[in-house]
Amino acid sequence: MILAFDMTNSDSAHVPINAALLRAMALSGQRVRMHADPSHLAALGSVAGVECQPMPLSPLYRWKTHIVSLRRFRQANLRRDPTSNIVPPGNAPQRRT
Protein backbone atom coordinates (compact mmCIF):
# COMPACT_ATOMS: atom_id res chain seq x y z
CA MET A 1 0.00 0.00 0.00
CA ILE A 2 1.17 3.50 -0.82
CA LEU A 3 0.18 6.23 1.62
CA ALA A 4 0.16 9.86 0.53
CA PHE A 5 -0.25 12.75 2.96
CA ASP A 6 -0.91 16.41 2.26
CA MET A 7 -0.71 17.96 5.69
CA THR A 8 -0.53 21.62 4.67
CA ASN A 9 -2.97 22.33 1.80
CA SER A 10 -6.72 22.77 1.77
CA ASP A 11 -9.34 23.53 -0.86
CA SER A 12 -7.95 23.62 -4.40
CA ALA A 13 -4.35 24.51 -3.52
CA HIS A 14 -1.88 22.15 -5.22
CA VAL A 15 -4.68 19.98 -6.69
CA PRO A 16 -3.28 19.55 -10.24
CA ILE A 17 0.07 18.37 -8.90
CA ASN A 18 -1.46 16.06 -6.29
CA ALA A 19 -3.85 14.56 -8.84
CA ALA A 20 -0.99 13.82 -11.25
CA LEU A 21 1.14 12.26 -8.51
CA LEU A 22 -1.76 10.12 -7.30
CA ARG A 23 -2.50 8.90 -10.84
CA ALA A 24 1.17 7.94 -11.22
CA MET A 25 1.13 6.08 -7.88
CA ALA A 26 -2.05 4.22 -8.87
CA LEU A 27 -0.26 2.87 -11.96
CA SER A 28 1.92 0.77 -9.62
CA GLY A 29 -0.97 -1.65 -9.06
CA GLN A 30 -0.76 -1.15 -5.30
CA ARG A 31 -3.53 0.30 -3.17
CA VAL A 32 -3.08 4.05 -2.76
CA ARG A 33 -4.58 6.05 0.09
CA MET A 34 -4.53 9.86 0.18
CA HIS A 35 -4.80 11.54 3.58
CA ALA A 36 -5.71 15.22 3.38
CA ASP A 37 -8.07 17.94 4.55
CA PRO A 38 -11.70 17.13 3.58
CA SER A 39 -11.93 20.30 1.46
CA HIS A 40 -8.75 19.29 -0.39
CA LEU A 41 -10.08 15.78 -1.05
CA ALA A 42 -13.31 17.29 -2.38
CA ALA A 43 -11.33 19.54 -4.74
CA LEU A 44 -9.26 16.54 -5.89
CA GLY A 45 -12.39 14.64 -6.80
CA SER A 46 -12.22 10.98 -7.69
CA VAL A 47 -8.89 9.61 -8.84
CA ALA A 48 -9.08 6.04 -10.15
CA GLY A 49 -7.40 3.56 -7.84
CA VAL A 50 -7.04 6.00 -4.92
CA GLU A 51 -8.85 5.81 -1.58
CA CYS A 52 -9.41 9.10 0.24
CA GLN A 53 -9.05 9.48 4.00
CA PRO A 54 -10.10 12.83 5.51
CA MET A 55 -7.60 14.26 7.97
CA PRO A 56 -8.06 17.68 9.58
CA LEU A 57 -5.10 20.00 9.20
CA SER A 58 -3.20 21.37 12.17
CA PRO A 59 -3.32 25.17 12.25
CA LEU A 60 0.35 25.10 13.26
CA TYR A 61 1.51 23.90 9.84
CA ARG A 62 -1.11 25.16 7.38
CA TRP A 63 0.55 26.64 4.27
CA LYS A 64 3.98 25.95 5.79
CA THR A 65 5.19 23.42 3.26
CA HIS A 66 8.80 23.87 4.35
CA ILE A 67 8.08 22.33 7.77
CA VAL A 68 7.92 18.57 8.11
CA SER A 69 6.29 17.60 11.37
CA LEU A 70 6.93 14.11 12.64
CA ARG A 71 4.52 14.83 15.50
CA ARG A 72 1.74 15.66 13.03
CA PHE A 73 2.50 12.60 10.91
CA ARG A 74 2.43 10.34 13.98
CA GLN A 75 -0.89 11.83 15.14
CA ALA A 76 -2.43 11.15 11.74
CA ASN A 77 -0.91 7.68 11.61
CA LEU A 78 -2.38 6.74 15.00
CA ARG A 79 -5.86 7.27 13.53
CA ARG A 80 -5.12 5.06 10.55
CA ASP A 81 -7.17 2.14 9.31
CA PRO A 82 -6.09 -0.90 11.37
CA THR A 83 -6.33 -3.14 8.28
CA SER A 84 -3.45 -1.33 6.59
CA ASN A 85 -0.03 -2.91 6.89
CA ILE A 86 1.65 -0.09 8.75
CA VAL A 87 3.38 -0.71 12.05
CA PRO A 88 2.05 1.76 14.66
CA PRO A 89 4.62 4.03 16.34
CA GLY A 90 6.33 2.26 19.22
CA ASN A 91 5.70 -1.22 17.78
CA ALA A 92 8.46 -1.27 15.22
CA PRO A 93 11.23 -3.82 15.69
CA GLN A 94 14.11 -2.40 17.67
CA ARG A 95 17.52 -2.06 16.01
CA ARG A 96 20.30 -4.05 17.49
CA THR A 97 23.48 -2.14 18.17
PDB file of N, CA and C in Angstrom:
ATOM      1  N   MET A   1       0.837  -1.175   0.000  1.00  0.00           N
ATOM      2  CA  MET A   1       0.000   0.000   0.000  1.00  0.00           C
ATOM      3  C   MET A   1       0.882   1.238   0.000  1.00  0.00           C
ATOM      4  N   ILE A   2       0.475   2.213  -0.780  1.00  0.00           N
ATOM      5  CA  ILE A   2       1.167   3.497  -0.823  1.00  0.00           C
ATOM      6  C   ILE A   2       0.306   4.510  -0.090  1.00  0.00           C
ATOM      7  N   LEU A   3       0.889   5.184   0.890  1.00  0.00           N
ATOM      8  CA  LEU A   3       0.183   6.231   1.623  1.00  0.00           C
ATOM      9  C   LEU A   3       0.716   7.588   1.182  1.00  0.00           C
ATOM     10  N   ALA A   4      -0.207   8.495   0.891  1.00  0.00           N
ATOM     11  CA  ALA A   4       0.164   9.858   0.527  1.00  0.00           C
ATOM     12  C   ALA A   4      -0.488  10.801   1.530  1.00  0.00           C
ATOM     13  N   PHE A   5       0.257  11.783   1.987  1.00  0.00           N
ATOM     14  CA  PHE A   5      -0.245  12.747   2.961  1.00  0.00           C
ATOM     15  C   PHE A   5      -0.026  14.156   2.436  1.00  0.00           C
ATOM     16  N   ASP A   6      -1.065  14.979   2.499  1.00  0.00           N
ATOM     17  CA  ASP A   6      -0.912  16.409   2.257  1.00  0.00           C
ATOM     18  C   ASP A   6      -1.364  17.072   3.550  1.00  0.00           C
ATOM     19  N   MET A   7      -0.405  17.458   4.358  1.00  0.00           N
ATOM     20  CA  MET A   7      -0.711  17.959   5.691  1.00  0.00           C
ATOM     21  C   MET A   7      -0.671  19.478   5.777  1.00  0.00           C
ATOM     22  N   THR A   8      -0.601  20.158   4.634  1.00  0.00           N
ATOM     23  CA  THR A   8      -0.530  21.616   4.674  1.00  0.00           C
ATOM     24  C   THR A   8      -1.561  22.310   3.792  1.00  0.00           C
ATOM     25  N   ASN A   9      -2.090  21.654   2.766  1.00  0.00           N
ATOM     26  CA  ASN A   9      -2.972  22.326   1.803  1.00  0.00           C
ATOM     27  C   ASN A   9      -4.443  22.003   2.049  1.00  0.00           C
ATOM     28  N   SER A  10      -5.280  22.974   1.720  1.00  0.00           N
ATOM     29  CA  SER A  10      -6.724  22.769   1.768  1.00  0.00           C
ATOM     30  C   SER A  10      -7.331  23.320   0.488  1.00  0.00           C
ATOM     31  N   ASP A  11      -8.599  23.079   0.322  1.00  0.00           N
ATOM     32  CA  ASP A  11      -9.340  23.535  -0.860  1.00  0.00           C
ATOM     33  C   ASP A  11      -8.621  23.108  -2.141  1.00  0.00           C
ATOM     34  N   SER A  12      -8.497  24.015  -3.103  1.00  0.00           N
ATOM     35  CA  SER A  12      -7.951  23.621  -4.404  1.00  0.00           C
ATOM     36  C   SER A  12      -6.450  23.861  -4.536  1.00  0.00           C
ATOM     37  N   ALA A  13      -5.796  24.269  -3.454  1.00  0.00           N
ATOM     38  CA  ALA A  13      -4.346  24.509  -3.525  1.00  0.00           C
ATOM     39  C   ALA A  13      -3.612  23.221  -3.860  1.00  0.00           C
ATOM     40  N   HIS A  14      -2.773  23.270  -4.866  1.00  0.00           N
ATOM     41  CA  HIS A  14      -1.884  22.155  -5.216  1.00  0.00           C
ATOM     42  C   HIS A  14      -2.618  20.970  -5.857  1.00  0.00           C
ATOM     43  N   VAL A  15      -3.886  21.108  -6.183  1.00  0.00           N
ATOM     44  CA  VAL A  15      -4.684  19.982  -6.691  1.00  0.00           C
ATOM     45  C   VAL A  15      -4.133  19.391  -7.990  1.00  0.00           C
ATOM     46  N   PRO A  16      -3.778  20.180  -9.006  1.00  0.00           N
ATOM     47  CA  PRO A  16      -3.283  19.551 -10.242  1.00  0.00           C
ATOM     48  C   PRO A  16      -2.045  18.680 -10.014  1.00  0.00           C
ATOM     49  N   ILE A  17      -1.142  19.143  -9.167  1.00  0.00           N
ATOM     50  CA  ILE A  17       0.072  18.366  -8.896  1.00  0.00           C
ATOM     51  C   ILE A  17      -0.261  17.103  -8.124  1.00  0.00           C
ATOM     52  N   ASN A  18      -1.081  17.239  -7.074  1.00  0.00           N
ATOM     53  CA  ASN A  18      -1.455  16.056  -6.293  1.00  0.00           C
ATOM     54  C   ASN A  18      -2.187  15.032  -7.150  1.00  0.00           C
ATOM     55  N   ALA A  19      -3.098  15.487  -7.994  1.00  0.00           N
ATOM     56  CA  ALA A  19      -3.848  14.559  -8.841  1.00  0.00           C
ATOM     57  C   ALA A  19      -2.907  13.794  -9.767  1.00  0.00           C
ATOM     58  N   ALA A  20      -1.941  14.483 -10.354  1.00  0.00           N
ATOM     59  CA  ALA A  20      -0.986  13.820 -11.253  1.00  0.00           C
ATOM     60  C   ALA A  20      -0.126  12.812 -10.494  1.00  0.00           C
ATOM     61  N   LEU A  21       0.337  13.184  -9.310  1.00  0.00           N
ATOM     62  CA  LEU A  21       1.144  12.259  -8.510  1.00  0.00           C
ATOM     63  C   LEU A  21       0.336  11.033  -8.095  1.00  0.00           C
ATOM     64  N   LEU A  22      -0.912  11.241  -7.701  1.00  0.00           N
ATOM     65  CA  LEU A  22      -1.759  10.117  -7.295  1.00  0.00           C
ATOM     66  C   LEU A  22      -2.038   9.175  -8.467  1.00  0.00           C
ATOM     67  N   ARG A  23      -2.285   9.744  -9.656  1.00  0.00           N
ATOM     68  CA  ARG A  23      -2.501   8.896 -10.838  1.00  0.00           C
ATOM     69  C   ARG A  23      -1.253   8.060 -11.122  1.00  0.00           C
ATOM     70  N   ALA A  24      -0.075   8.668 -10.991  1.00  0.00           N
ATOM     71  CA  ALA A  24       1.174   7.936 -11.217  1.00  0.00           C
ATOM     72  C   ALA A  24       1.344   6.825 -10.184  1.00  0.00           C
ATOM     73  N   MET A  25       1.028   7.103  -8.932  1.00  0.00           N
ATOM     74  CA  MET A  25       1.132   6.083  -7.884  1.00  0.00           C
ATOM     75  C   MET A  25       0.168   4.930  -8.151  1.00  0.00           C
ATOM     76  N   ALA A  26      -1.035   5.248  -8.612  1.00  0.00           N
ATOM     77  CA  ALA A  26      -2.045   4.220  -8.869  1.00  0.00           C
ATOM     78  C   ALA A  26      -1.608   3.270  -9.982  1.00  0.00           C
ATOM     79  N   LEU A  27      -0.742   3.724 -10.876  1.00  0.00           N
ATOM     80  CA  LEU A  27      -0.255   2.865 -11.956  1.00  0.00           C
ATOM     81  C   LEU A  27       0.600   1.714 -11.436  1.00  0.00           C
ATOM     82  N   SER A  28       1.062   1.808 -10.193  1.00  0.00           N
ATOM     83  CA  SER A  28       1.921   0.768  -9.618  1.00  0.00           C
ATOM     84  C   SER A  28       1.161  -0.533  -9.370  1.00  0.00           C
ATOM     85  N   GLY A  29      -0.166  -0.458  -9.348  1.00  0.00           N
ATOM     86  CA  GLY A  29      -0.968  -1.646  -9.063  1.00  0.00           C
ATOM     87  C   GLY A  29      -1.196  -1.861  -7.578  1.00  0.00           C
ATOM     88  N   GLN A  30      -0.547  -1.058  -6.738  1.00  0.00           N
ATOM     89  CA  GLN A  30      -0.764  -1.155  -5.304  1.00  0.00           C
ATOM     90  C   GLN A  30      -1.938  -0.281  -4.892  1.00  0.00           C
ATOM     91  N   ARG A  31      -2.498  -0.590  -3.716  1.00  0.00           N
ATOM     92  CA  ARG A  31      -3.527   0.299  -3.169  1.00  0.00           C
ATOM     93  C   ARG A  31      -2.869   1.627  -2.821  1.00  0.00           C
ATOM     94  N   VAL A  32      -3.573   2.713  -3.071  1.00  0.00           N
ATOM     95  CA  VAL A  32      -3.081   4.054  -2.760  1.00  0.00           C
ATOM     96  C   VAL A  32      -4.117   4.733  -1.886  1.00  0.00           C
ATOM     97  N   ARG A  33      -3.665   5.315  -0.794  1.00  0.00           N
ATOM     98  CA  ARG A  33      -4.579   6.048   0.092  1.00  0.00           C
ATOM     99  C   ARG A  33      -4.034   7.452   0.298  1.00  0.00           C
ATOM    100  N   MET A  34      -4.882   8.444   0.026  1.00  0.00           N
ATOM    101  CA  MET A  34      -4.527   9.858   0.182  1.00  0.00           C
ATOM    102  C   MET A  34      -5.168  10.391   1.451  1.00  0.00           C
ATOM    103  N   HIS A  35      -4.334  10.899   2.353  1.00  0.00           N
ATOM    104  CA  HIS A  35      -4.803  11.537   3.584  1.00  0.00           C
ATOM    105  C   HIS A  35      -4.661  13.042   3.392  1.00  0.00           C
ATOM    106  N   ALA A  36      -5.763  13.765   3.566  1.00  0.00           N
ATOM    107  CA  ALA A  36      -5.715  15.219   3.376  1.00  0.00           C
ATOM    108  C   ALA A  36      -6.948  15.853   4.002  1.00  0.00           C
ATOM    109  N   ASP A  37      -6.931  17.176   4.056  1.00  0.00           N
ATOM    110  CA  ASP A  37      -8.070  17.935   4.553  1.00  0.00           C
ATOM    111  C   ASP A  37      -9.308  17.592   3.720  1.00  0.00           C
ATOM    112  N   PRO A  38     -10.491  17.467   4.343  1.00  0.00           N
ATOM    113  CA  PRO A  38     -11.698  17.127   3.583  1.00  0.00           C
ATOM    114  C   PRO A  38     -11.967  18.060   2.406  1.00  0.00           C
ATOM    115  N   SER A  39     -11.690  19.361   2.570  1.00  0.00           N
ATOM    116  CA  SER A  39     -11.927  20.296   1.462  1.00  0.00           C
ATOM    117  C   SER A  39     -10.946  20.042   0.309  1.00  0.00           C
ATOM    118  N   HIS A  40      -9.753  19.599   0.647  1.00  0.00           N
ATOM    119  CA  HIS A  40      -8.753  19.292  -0.389  1.00  0.00           C
ATOM    120  C   HIS A  40      -9.148  18.016  -1.138  1.00  0.00           C
ATOM    121  N   LEU A  41      -9.631  17.014  -0.399  1.00  0.00           N
ATOM    122  CA  LEU A  41     -10.079  15.783  -1.048  1.00  0.00           C
ATOM    123  C   LEU A  41     -11.261  16.055  -1.971  1.00  0.00           C
ATOM    124  N   ALA A  42     -12.159  16.940  -1.538  1.00  0.00           N
ATOM    125  CA  ALA A  42     -13.312  17.291  -2.381  1.00  0.00           C
ATOM    126  C   ALA A  42     -12.848  17.979  -3.663  1.00  0.00           C
ATOM    127  N   ALA A  43     -11.852  18.847  -3.555  1.00  0.00           N
ATOM    128  CA  ALA A  43     -11.331  19.537  -4.741  1.00  0.00           C
ATOM    129  C   ALA A  43     -10.591  18.568  -5.662  1.00  0.00           C
ATOM    130  N   LEU A  44      -9.940  17.551  -5.073  1.00  0.00           N
ATOM    131  CA  LEU A  44      -9.255  16.539  -5.892  1.00  0.00           C
ATOM    132  C   LEU A  44     -10.248  15.726  -6.703  1.00  0.00           C
ATOM    133  N   GLY A  45     -11.412  15.482  -6.124  1.00  0.00           N
ATOM    134  CA  GLY A  45     -12.395  14.637  -6.800  1.00  0.00           C
ATOM    135  C   GLY A  45     -11.964  13.194  -6.763  1.00  0.00           C
ATOM    136  N   SER A  46     -12.519  12.409  -7.644  1.00  0.00           N
ATOM    137  CA  SER A  46     -12.224  10.982  -7.688  1.00  0.00           C
ATOM    138  C   SER A  46     -11.034  10.724  -8.597  1.00  0.00           C
ATOM    139  N   VAL A  47     -10.044  10.035  -8.053  1.00  0.00           N
ATOM    140  CA  VAL A  47      -8.889   9.614  -8.843  1.00  0.00           C
ATOM    141  C   VAL A  47      -8.915   8.097  -8.852  1.00  0.00           C
ATOM    142  N   ALA A  48      -8.968   7.495 -10.032  1.00  0.00           N
ATOM    143  CA  ALA A  48      -9.084   6.043 -10.148  1.00  0.00           C
ATOM    144  C   ALA A  48      -7.977   5.336  -9.393  1.00  0.00           C
ATOM    145  N   GLY A  49      -8.362   4.364  -8.574  1.00  0.00           N
ATOM    146  CA  GLY A  49      -7.398   3.562  -7.843  1.00  0.00           C
ATOM    147  C   GLY A  49      -6.899   4.191  -6.558  1.00  0.00           C
ATOM    148  N   VAL A  50      -7.495   5.303  -6.123  1.00  0.00           N
ATOM    149  CA  VAL A  50      -7.041   6.004  -4.922  1.00  0.00           C
ATOM    150  C   VAL A  50      -8.180   6.101  -3.915  1.00  0.00           C
ATOM    151  N   GLU A  51      -7.910   5.650  -2.689  1.00  0.00           N
ATOM    152  CA  GLU A  51      -8.854   5.807  -1.584  1.00  0.00           C
ATOM    153  C   GLU A  51      -8.555   7.144  -0.919  1.00  0.00           C
ATOM    154  N   CYS A  52      -9.597   7.816  -0.435  1.00  0.00           N
ATOM    155  CA  CYS A  52      -9.406   9.099   0.244  1.00  0.00           C
ATOM    156  C   CYS A  52      -9.726   8.957   1.721  1.00  0.00           C
ATOM    157  N   GLN A  53      -8.869   9.511   2.555  1.00  0.00           N
ATOM    158  CA  GLN A  53      -9.049   9.478   4.000  1.00  0.00           C
ATOM    159  C   GLN A  53      -8.982  10.908   4.525  1.00  0.00           C
ATOM    160  N   PRO A  54     -10.119  11.462   4.978  1.00  0.00           N
ATOM    161  CA  PRO A  54     -10.096  12.830   5.514  1.00  0.00           C
ATOM    162  C   PRO A  54      -9.214  12.924   6.754  1.00  0.00           C
ATOM    163  N   MET A  55      -8.476  14.012   6.841  1.00  0.00           N
ATOM    164  CA  MET A  55      -7.596  14.259   7.968  1.00  0.00           C
ATOM    165  C   MET A  55      -7.569  15.766   8.210  1.00  0.00           C
ATOM    166  N   PRO A  56      -8.083  16.236   9.345  1.00  0.00           N
ATOM    167  CA  PRO A  56      -8.062  17.680   9.581  1.00  0.00           C
ATOM    168  C   PRO A  56      -6.631  18.195   9.686  1.00  0.00           C
ATOM    169  N   LEU A  57      -6.428  19.397   9.173  1.00  0.00           N
ATOM    170  CA  LEU A  57      -5.100  20.002   9.202  1.00  0.00           C
ATOM    171  C   LEU A  57      -4.846  20.688  10.536  1.00  0.00           C
ATOM    172  N   SER A  58      -3.613  20.639  10.973  1.00  0.00           N
ATOM    173  CA  SER A  58      -3.197  21.369  12.167  1.00  0.00           C
ATOM    174  C   SER A  58      -3.008  22.836  11.787  1.00  0.00           C
ATOM    175  N   PRO A  59      -3.542  23.756  12.559  1.00  0.00           N
ATOM    176  CA  PRO A  59      -3.324  25.175  12.248  1.00  0.00           C
ATOM    177  C   PRO A  59      -1.856  25.584  12.392  1.00  0.00           C
ATOM    178  N   LEU A  60      -1.067  24.777  13.080  1.00  0.00           N
ATOM    179  CA  LEU A  60       0.348  25.102  13.263  1.00  0.00           C
ATOM    180  C   LEU A  60       1.144  25.007  11.968  1.00  0.00           C
ATOM    181  N   TYR A  61       0.704  24.165  11.027  1.00  0.00           N
ATOM    182  CA  TYR A  61       1.506  23.903   9.838  1.00  0.00           C
ATOM    183  C   TYR A  61       0.800  24.255   8.534  1.00  0.00           C
ATOM    184  N   ARG A  62      -0.388  24.832   8.606  1.00  0.00           N
ATOM    185  CA  ARG A  62      -1.115  25.160   7.383  1.00  0.00           C
ATOM    186  C   ARG A  62      -0.333  26.152   6.545  1.00  0.00           C
ATOM    187  N   TRP A  63      -0.170  25.838   5.271  1.00  0.00           N
ATOM    188  CA  TRP A  63       0.545  26.638   4.273  1.00  0.00           C
ATOM    189  C   TRP A  63       2.042  26.712   4.548  1.00  0.00           C
ATOM    190  N   LYS A  64       2.547  25.947   5.486  1.00  0.00           N
ATOM    191  CA  LYS A  64       3.984  25.951   5.785  1.00  0.00           C
ATOM    192  C   LYS A  64       4.599  24.671   5.221  1.00  0.00           C
ATOM    193  N   THR A  65       4.721  24.641   3.909  1.00  0.00           N
ATOM    194  CA  THR A  65       5.190  23.419   3.257  1.00  0.00           C
ATOM    195  C   THR A  65       6.657  23.121   3.538  1.00  0.00           C
ATOM    196  N   HIS A  66       7.386  24.073   4.051  1.00  0.00           N
ATOM    197  CA  HIS A  66       8.805  23.868   4.346  1.00  0.00           C
ATOM    198  C   HIS A  66       9.023  23.170   5.689  1.00  0.00           C
ATOM    199  N   ILE A  67       7.963  22.965   6.454  1.00  0.00           N
ATOM    200  CA  ILE A  67       8.076  22.330   7.767  1.00  0.00           C
ATOM    201  C   ILE A  67       7.539  20.909   7.689  1.00  0.00           C
ATOM    202  N   VAL A  68       8.354  19.951   8.020  1.00  0.00           N
ATOM    203  CA  VAL A  68       7.917  18.566   8.108  1.00  0.00           C
ATOM    204  C   VAL A  68       7.749  18.270   9.582  1.00  0.00           C
ATOM    205  N   SER A  69       6.570  17.836   9.963  1.00  0.00           N
ATOM    206  CA  SER A  69       6.292  17.601  11.366  1.00  0.00           C
ATOM    207  C   SER A  69       6.093  16.118  11.632  1.00  0.00           C
ATOM    208  N   LEU A  70       7.073  15.502  12.263  1.00  0.00           N
ATOM    209  CA  LEU A  70       6.934  14.105  12.639  1.00  0.00           C
ATOM    210  C   LEU A  70       5.780  13.942  13.629  1.00  0.00           C
ATOM    211  N   ARG A  71       5.620  14.903  14.533  1.00  0.00           N
ATOM    212  CA  ARG A  71       4.517  14.833  15.499  1.00  0.00           C
ATOM    213  C   ARG A  71       3.173  14.784  14.771  1.00  0.00           C
ATOM    214  N   ARG A  72       3.005  15.625  13.778  1.00  0.00           N
ATOM    215  CA  ARG A  72       1.745  15.662  13.028  1.00  0.00           C
ATOM    216  C   ARG A  72       1.545  14.358  12.257  1.00  0.00           C
ATOM    217  N   PHE A  73       2.599  13.854  11.649  1.00  0.00           N
ATOM    218  CA  PHE A  73       2.503  12.600  10.910  1.00  0.00           C
ATOM    219  C   PHE A  73       2.122  11.460  11.846  1.00  0.00           C
ATOM    220  N   ARG A  74       2.736  11.402  13.020  1.00  0.00           N
ATOM    221  CA  ARG A  74       2.425  10.338  13.980  1.00  0.00           C
ATOM    222  C   ARG A  74       0.985  10.447  14.456  1.00  0.00           C
ATOM    223  N   GLN A  75       0.493  11.661  14.713  1.00  0.00           N
ATOM    224  CA  GLN A  75      -0.891  11.828  15.138  1.00  0.00           C
ATOM    225  C   GLN A  75      -1.839  11.307  14.073  1.00  0.00           C
ATOM    226  N   ALA A  76      -1.584  11.617  12.837  1.00  0.00           N
ATOM    227  CA  ALA A  76      -2.433  11.148  11.742  1.00  0.00           C
ATOM    228  C   ALA A  76      -2.328   9.642  11.596  1.00  0.00           C
ATOM    229  N   ASN A  77      -1.130   9.107  11.768  1.00  0.00           N
ATOM    230  CA  ASN A  77      -0.912   7.676  11.609  1.00  0.00           C
ATOM    231  C   ASN A  77      -1.593   6.875  12.713  1.00  0.00           C
ATOM    232  N   LEU A  78      -1.723   7.442  13.902  1.00  0.00           N
ATOM    233  CA  LEU A  78      -2.380   6.735  14.998  1.00  0.00           C
ATOM    234  C   LEU A  78      -3.867   6.535  14.720  1.00  0.00           C
ATOM    235  N   ARG A  79      -4.435   7.393  13.868  1.00  0.00           N
ATOM    236  CA  ARG A  79      -5.856   7.268  13.535  1.00  0.00           C
ATOM    237  C   ARG A  79      -6.075   6.467  12.265  1.00  0.00           C
ATOM    238  N   ARG A  80      -5.065   5.770  11.814  1.00  0.00           N
ATOM    239  CA  ARG A  80      -5.123   5.058  10.546  1.00  0.00           C
ATOM    240  C   ARG A  80      -6.069   3.864  10.611  1.00  0.00           C
ATOM    241  N   ASP A  81      -6.356   3.342   9.456  1.00  0.00           N
ATOM    242  CA  ASP A  81      -7.168   2.142   9.309  1.00  0.00           C
ATOM    243  C   ASP A  81      -6.363   0.950   9.815  1.00  0.00           C
ATOM    244  N   PRO A  82      -6.877   0.207  10.813  1.00  0.00           N
ATOM    245  CA  PRO A  82      -6.091  -0.896  11.369  1.00  0.00           C
ATOM    246  C   PRO A  82      -5.846  -2.037  10.385  1.00  0.00           C
ATOM    247  N   THR A  83      -6.548  -2.063   9.245  1.00  0.00           N
ATOM    248  CA  THR A  83      -6.328  -3.136   8.277  1.00  0.00           C
ATOM    249  C   THR A  83      -5.147  -2.843   7.353  1.00  0.00           C
ATOM    250  N   SER A  84      -4.615  -1.608   7.424  1.00  0.00           N
ATOM    251  CA  SER A  84      -3.451  -1.328   6.592  1.00  0.00           C
ATOM    252  C   SER A  84      -2.243  -2.016   7.209  1.00  0.00           C
ATOM    253  N   ASN A  85      -1.205  -2.172   6.436  1.00  0.00           N
ATOM    254  CA  ASN A  85      -0.026  -2.915   6.886  1.00  0.00           C
ATOM    255  C   ASN A  85       1.061  -2.012   7.443  1.00  0.00           C
ATOM    256  N   ILE A  86       0.675  -1.000   8.170  1.00  0.00           N
ATOM    257  CA  ILE A  86       1.647  -0.085   8.745  1.00  0.00           C
ATOM    258  C   ILE A  86       1.851  -0.450  10.210  1.00  0.00           C
ATOM    259  N   VAL A  87       3.075  -0.434  10.645  1.00  0.00           N
ATOM    260  CA  VAL A  87       3.378  -0.706  12.047  1.00  0.00           C
ATOM    261  C   VAL A  87       3.154   0.581  12.834  1.00  0.00           C
ATOM    262  N   PRO A  88       2.286   0.552  13.866  1.00  0.00           N
ATOM    263  CA  PRO A  88       2.054   1.756  14.660  1.00  0.00           C
ATOM    264  C   PRO A  88       3.328   2.208  15.363  1.00  0.00           C
ATOM    265  N   PRO A  89       3.441   3.532  15.628  1.00  0.00           N
ATOM    266  CA  PRO A  89       4.620   4.027  16.343  1.00  0.00           C
ATOM    267  C   PRO A  89       4.807   3.281  17.661  1.00  0.00           C
ATOM    268  N   GLY A  90       6.024   2.957  17.979  1.00  0.00           N
ATOM    269  CA  GLY A  90       6.332   2.255  19.222  1.00  0.00           C
ATOM    270  C   GLY A  90       6.308   0.747  19.083  1.00  0.00           C
ATOM    271  N   ASN A  91       5.777   0.223  17.985  1.00  0.00           N
ATOM    272  CA  ASN A  91       5.695  -1.224  17.785  1.00  0.00           C
ATOM    273  C   ASN A  91       6.669  -1.734  16.748  1.00  0.00           C
ATOM    274  N   ALA A  92       7.490  -0.861  16.236  1.00  0.00           N
ATOM    275  CA  ALA A  92       8.460  -1.274  15.215  1.00  0.00           C
ATOM    276  C   ALA A  92       9.555  -2.102  15.870  1.00  0.00           C
ATOM    277  N   PRO A  93      10.113  -3.042  15.131  1.00  0.00           N
ATOM    278  CA  PRO A  93      11.231  -3.821  15.685  1.00  0.00           C
ATOM    279  C   PRO A  93      12.376  -2.898  16.076  1.00  0.00           C
ATOM    280  N   GLN A  94      13.004  -3.215  17.174  1.00  0.00           N
ATOM    281  CA  GLN A  94      14.113  -2.399  17.666  1.00  0.00           C
ATOM    282  C   GLN A  94      15.399  -2.784  16.939  1.00  0.00           C
ATOM    283  N   ARG A  95      16.216  -1.793  16.637  1.00  0.00           N
ATOM    284  CA  ARG A  95      17.515  -2.055  16.008  1.00  0.00           C
ATOM    285  C   ARG A  95      18.474  -2.607  17.042  1.00  0.00           C
ATOM    286  N   ARG A  96      19.258  -3.520  16.608  1.00  0.00           N
ATOM    287  CA  ARG A  96      20.299  -4.048  17.492  1.00  0.00           C
ATOM    288  C   ARG A  96      21.578  -3.284  17.242  1.00  0.00           C
ATOM    289  N   THR A  97      22.233  -2.903  18.315  1.00  0.00           N
ATOM    290  CA  THR A  97      23.479  -2.138  18.165  1.00  0.00           C
ATOM    291  C   THR A  97      24.672  -2.971  18.551  1.00  0.00           C
TER     292      THR A  97
END
